[in-house]
Protein backbone atom coordinates (compact mmCIF):
# COMPACT_ATOMS: atom_id res chain seq x y z
CA MET A 1 65.04 29.59 0.35
CA ILE A 2 65.23 25.86 -0.40
CA ASP A 3 63.78 23.55 2.25
CA PHE A 4 66.26 20.68 2.13
CA GLU A 5 64.12 18.39 4.31
CA THR A 6 61.23 18.66 1.85
CA GLU A 7 63.52 18.08 -1.12
CA LEU A 8 65.08 15.01 0.51
CA LYS A 9 61.64 13.51 1.07
CA LYS A 10 60.97 13.82 -2.68
CA PHE A 11 64.21 12.07 -3.60
CA HIS A 12 64.01 8.58 -5.14
CA PRO A 13 67.17 6.87 -6.39
CA SER A 14 67.38 6.07 -10.07
CA LEU A 15 66.45 2.48 -10.88
CA GLU A 16 69.25 2.34 -13.43
CA VAL A 17 71.84 3.01 -10.74
CA GLN A 18 70.42 0.26 -8.54
CA ASP A 19 70.42 -2.18 -11.47
CA ALA A 20 74.02 -1.27 -12.27
CA GLU A 21 75.08 -1.81 -8.65
CA GLU A 22 73.52 -5.28 -8.61
CA ALA A 23 75.12 -6.25 -11.93
CA ILE A 24 78.55 -5.10 -10.78
CA ALA A 25 78.26 -6.85 -7.42
CA GLN A 26 77.26 -10.15 -9.08
CA HIS A 27 80.28 -10.32 -11.39
CA ASP A 28 83.52 -11.79 -10.15
CA LEU A 29 85.93 -9.22 -11.50
CA ALA A 30 89.63 -10.06 -11.66
CA ASP A 31 92.05 -7.49 -10.34
CA MET A 32 95.67 -7.04 -11.45
CA VAL A 33 97.01 -9.60 -8.94
CA ASP A 34 94.58 -12.24 -10.26
CA LEU A 35 95.71 -11.53 -13.83
CA ILE A 36 99.41 -11.76 -12.92
CA VAL A 37 98.92 -15.04 -11.02
CA ARG A 38 96.99 -16.51 -13.95
CA THR A 39 99.69 -15.42 -16.42
CA VAL A 40 102.47 -16.92 -14.29
CA LYS A 41 100.60 -20.23 -13.93
CA GLU A 42 100.00 -20.39 -17.69
CA GLY A 43 103.70 -19.72 -18.30
CA GLU A 44 104.71 -22.48 -15.87
CA GLU A 45 102.33 -24.92 -17.56
CA LYS A 46 103.82 -24.14 -20.98
CA GLN A 47 107.35 -24.67 -19.66
CA ALA A 48 106.35 -28.05 -18.17
CA GLU A 49 105.19 -29.30 -21.59
């Protein structure tokens, strides 16, 4: 039978996953609302010209 407590003590998270989490958290990612707002503003600026 597997001793889950012993196996959990052996567990160490992958460094690659931690690095990926940090990289993702540091980037300011635009969502769909941000993209729509930006597109509308650009369209209004072009009409004003």
